Amino acid sequence: MTVKLHVRNPVPPAGLSTSTALLKEPAVRAGYLSGMTIPRLALAFGVAEYVMQDYVAERRWGWSAAEHHGILEDDRRTVVFTKASRETGGYDIRPISVPRITMHVRALEARA
């Protein structure tokens, strides 16, 4: 059995910063939520990959929760975002999609 250890190099590649001063949270959040990978974000902001990894790790749950909350509706369906508990005591935000029919609309209105 091979154990892979994650070792951080305290000296970043030439030209990359180890400071979070270059990181603007709205821009990093938008990139992360649009699907950019940590290495691409780090390169785009000129920081070492481990700096971006730590920065995103501290904030990603809040970003995801803020993006996925409440109730979203369109002509075909209603999506309700709920907290799903884990055995570890944490939780995930999960979407529950239901067809937009009168019964579901009335149930959601009664809940509010």
C-alpha atoms as a PDB file:
ATOM      1  CA  MET A   1       0.000   0.000   0.000  1.00  0.00           C
ATOM      2  CA  THR A   2       1.436   3.346  -1.029  1.00  0.00           C
ATOM      3  CA  VAL A   3       0.720   6.448   1.039  1.00  0.00           C
ATOM      4  CA  LYS A   4       0.915   9.709  -0.844  1.00  0.00           C
ATOM      5  CA  LEU A   5       1.897  12.652   1.313  1.00  0.00           C
ATOM      6  CA  HIS A   6       1.115  16.212   0.328  1.00  0.00           C
ATOM      7  CA  VAL A   7       4.253  18.292   0.779  1.00  0.00           C
ATOM      8  CA  ARG A   8       4.143  22.045   0.308  1.00  0.00           C
ATOM      9  CA  ASN A   9       7.044  23.822  -1.204  1.00  0.00           C
ATOM     10  CA  PRO A  10       7.478  27.086   0.739  1.00  0.00           C
ATOM     11  CA  VAL A  11       9.235  28.620  -2.239  1.00  0.00           C
ATOM     12  CA  PRO A  12       6.756  29.205  -5.075  1.00  0.00           C
ATOM     13  CA  PRO A  13       7.743  29.123  -8.729  1.00  0.00           C
ATOM     14  CA  ALA A  14       9.261  32.356  -9.993  1.00  0.00           C
ATOM     15  CA  GLY A  15       6.773  35.196 -10.257  1.00  0.00           C
ATOM     16  CA  LEU A  16       4.071  33.652  -8.066  1.00  0.00           C
ATOM     17  CA  SER A  17       3.072  35.198  -4.755  1.00  0.00           C
ATOM     18  CA  THR A  18       2.482  33.434  -1.442  1.00  0.00           C
ATOM     19  CA  SER A  19       0.289  36.287  -0.186  1.00  0.00           C
ATOM     20  CA  THR A  20      -3.491  36.499  -0.458  1.00  0.00           C
ATOM     21  CA  ALA A  21      -3.232  40.270  -0.961  1.00  0.00           C
ATOM     22  CA  LEU A  22      -3.645  39.831  -4.733  1.00  0.00           C
ATOM     23  CA  LEU A  23      -6.880  37.871  -4.326  1.00  0.00           C
ATOM     24  CA  LYS A  24     -10.173  39.714  -4.702  1.00  0.00           C
ATOM     25  CA  GLU A  25     -12.911  37.561  -3.226  1.00  0.00           C
ATOM     26  CA  PRO A  26     -15.725  38.420  -5.688  1.00  0.00           C
ATOM     27  CA  ALA A  27     -13.512  37.563  -8.659  1.00  0.00           C
ATOM     28  CA  VAL A  28     -12.184  34.334  -7.093  1.00  0.00           C
ATOM     29  CA  ARG A  29     -15.728  33.308  -6.069  1.00  0.00           C
ATOM     30  CA  ALA A  30     -17.065  33.939  -9.586  1.00  0.00           C
ATOM     31  CA  GLY A  31     -14.243  31.898 -11.129  1.00  0.00           C
ATOM     32  CA  TYR A  32     -14.644  29.025  -8.670  1.00  0.00           C
ATOM     33  CA  LEU A  33     -18.430  28.853  -9.035  1.00  0.00           C
ATOM     34  CA  SER A  34     -18.115  28.942 -12.828  1.00  0.00           C
ATOM     35  CA  GLY A  35     -16.008  25.771 -12.672  1.00  0.00           C
ATOM     36  CA  MET A  36     -12.417  27.016 -12.875  1.00  0.00           C
ATOM     37  CA  THR A  37      -9.942  24.636 -11.255  1.00  0.00           C
ATOM     38  CA  ILE A  38      -7.667  25.655  -8.383  1.00  0.00           C
ATOM     39  CA  PRO A  39      -4.514  25.544 -10.581  1.00  0.00           C
ATOM     40  CA  ARG A  40      -6.158  27.779 -13.208  1.00  0.00           C
ATOM     41  CA  LEU A  41      -7.385  30.227 -10.564  1.00  0.00           C
ATOM     42  CA  ALA A  42      -3.921  30.345  -8.995  1.00  0.00           C
ATOM     43  CA  LEU A  43      -2.318  31.057 -12.350  1.00  0.00           C
ATOM     44  CA  ALA A  44      -4.903  33.715 -13.207  1.00  0.00           C
ATOM     45  CA  PHE A  45      -4.291  35.572  -9.924  1.00  0.00           C
ATOM     46  CA  GLY A  46      -0.527  35.046  -9.856  1.00  0.00           C
ATOM     47  CA  VAL A  47      -0.354  33.090  -6.601  1.00  0.00           C
ATOM     48  CA  ALA A  48       1.077  29.701  -5.671  1.00  0.00           C
ATOM     49  CA  GLU A  49      -1.386  26.849  -6.041  1.00  0.00           C
ATOM     50  CA  TYR A  50      -1.401  26.011  -2.323  1.00  0.00           C
ATOM     51  CA  VAL A  51      -2.266  29.631  -1.483  1.00  0.00           C
ATOM     52  CA  MET A  52      -5.328  29.473  -3.755  1.00  0.00           C
ATOM     53  CA  GLN A  53      -6.242  26.031  -2.409  1.00  0.00           C
ATOM     54  CA  ASP A  54      -6.275  27.318   1.176  1.00  0.00           C
ATOM     55  CA  TYR A  55      -8.126  30.504   0.191  1.00  0.00           C
ATOM     56  CA  VAL A  56     -10.889  28.608  -1.590  1.00  0.00           C
ATOM     57  CA  ALA A  57     -11.110  25.898   1.087  1.00  0.00           C
ATOM     58  CA  GLU A  58     -11.853  28.500   3.769  1.00  0.00           C
ATOM     59  CA  ARG A  59     -14.661  30.086   1.746  1.00  0.00           C
ATOM     60  CA  ARG A  60     -16.219  27.528  -0.597  1.00  0.00           C
ATOM     61  CA  TRP A  61     -18.987  26.276   1.707  1.00  0.00           C
ATOM     62  CA  GLY A  62     -20.257  29.788   2.215  1.00  0.00           C
ATOM     63  CA  TRP A  63     -20.099  30.480  -1.513  1.00  0.00           C
ATOM     64  CA  SER A  64     -22.022  27.332  -2.384  1.00  0.00           C
ATOM     65  CA  ALA A  65     -24.628  27.925   0.326  1.00  0.00           C
ATOM     66  CA  ALA A  66     -25.152  31.518  -0.826  1.00  0.00           C
ATOM     67  CA  GLU A  67     -25.607  30.407  -4.439  1.00  0.00           C
ATOM     68  CA  HIS A  68     -27.990  27.589  -3.526  1.00  0.00           C
ATOM     69  CA  HIS A  69     -30.597  28.747  -1.074  1.00  0.00           C
ATOM     70  CA  GLY A  70     -34.330  29.245  -0.998  1.00  0.00           C
ATOM     71  CA  ILE A  71     -36.650  28.369  -3.846  1.00  0.00           C
ATOM     72  CA  LEU A  72     -36.075  28.823  -7.584  1.00  0.00           C
ATOM     73  CA  GLU A  73     -38.924  28.584 -10.073  1.00  0.00           C
ATOM     74  CA  ASP A  74     -39.369  28.504 -13.814  1.00  0.00           C
ATOM     75  CA  ASP A  75     -42.262  27.491 -16.085  1.00  0.00           C
ATOM     76  CA  ARG A  76     -41.577  23.759 -15.802  1.00  0.00           C
ATOM     77  CA  ARG A  77     -40.336  23.110 -12.290  1.00  0.00           C
ATOM     78  CA  THR A  78     -39.686  24.373  -8.789  1.00  0.00           C
ATOM     79  CA  VAL A  79     -36.332  23.711  -7.119  1.00  0.00           C
ATOM     80  CA  VAL A  80     -36.152  23.821  -3.330  1.00  0.00           C
ATOM     81  CA  PHE A  81     -32.681  23.847  -1.745  1.00  0.00           C
ATOM     82  CA  THR A  82     -32.531  21.950   1.542  1.00  0.00           C
ATOM     83  CA  LYS A  83     -29.902  20.911   4.053  1.00  0.00           C
ATOM     84  CA  ALA A  84     -29.148  17.196   4.043  1.00  0.00           C
ATOM     85  CA  SER A  85     -27.443  15.989   7.229  1.00  0.00           C
ATOM     86  CA  ARG A  86     -24.438  13.698   7.196  1.00  0.00           C
ATOM     87  CA  GLU A  87     -23.511  11.068   9.745  1.00  0.00           C
ATOM     88  CA  THR A  88     -20.457  13.158  10.640  1.00  0.00           C
ATOM     89  CA  GLY A  89     -22.643  16.032  11.817  1.00  0.00           C
ATOM     90  CA  GLY A  90     -22.064  18.222   8.768  1.00  0.00           C
ATOM     91  CA  TYR A  91     -24.498  18.903   5.984  1.00  0.00           C
ATOM     92  CA  ASP A  92     -24.753  19.418   2.247  1.00  0.00           C
ATOM     93  CA  ILE A  93     -27.053  21.762   0.354  1.00  0.00           C
ATOM     94  CA  ARG A  94     -29.108  19.612  -2.017  1.00  0.00           C
ATOM     95  CA  PRO A  95     -31.627  20.615  -4.639  1.00  0.00           C
ATOM     96  CA  ILE A  96     -35.014  18.936  -4.724  1.00  0.00           C
ATOM     97  CA  SER A  97     -36.717  19.461  -8.065  1.00  0.00           C
ATOM     98  CA  VAL A  98     -40.486  19.016  -8.367  1.00  0.00           C
ATOM     99  CA  PRO A  99     -42.714  19.575 -11.399  1.00  0.00           C
ATOM    100  CA  ARG A 100     -44.502  22.917 -11.346  1.00  0.00           C
ATOM    101  CA  ILE A 101     -48.032  21.696 -10.821  1.00  0.00           C
ATOM    102  CA  THR A 102     -50.828  23.258  -8.804  1.00  0.00           C
ATOM    103  CA  MET A 103     -50.467  20.847  -5.881  1.00  0.00           C
ATOM    104  CA  HIS A 104     -46.769  21.699  -5.368  1.00  0.00           C
ATOM    105  CA  VAL A 105     -47.345  25.441  -5.813  1.00  0.00           C
ATOM    106  CA  ARG A 106     -50.090  25.445  -3.157  1.00  0.00           C
ATOM    107  CA  ALA A 107     -47.967  23.399  -0.754  1.00  0.00           C
ATOM    108  CA  LEU A 108     -45.065  25.852  -1.076  1.00  0.00           C
ATOM    109  CA  GLU A 109     -47.369  28.855  -0.657  1.00  0.00           C
ATOM    110  CA  ALA A 110     -48.854  27.303   2.498  1.00  0.00           C
ATOM    111  CA  ARG A 111     -45.347  26.762   3.853  1.00  0.00           C
ATOM    112  CA  ALA A 112     -44.384  30.427   3.467  1.00  0.00           C
END
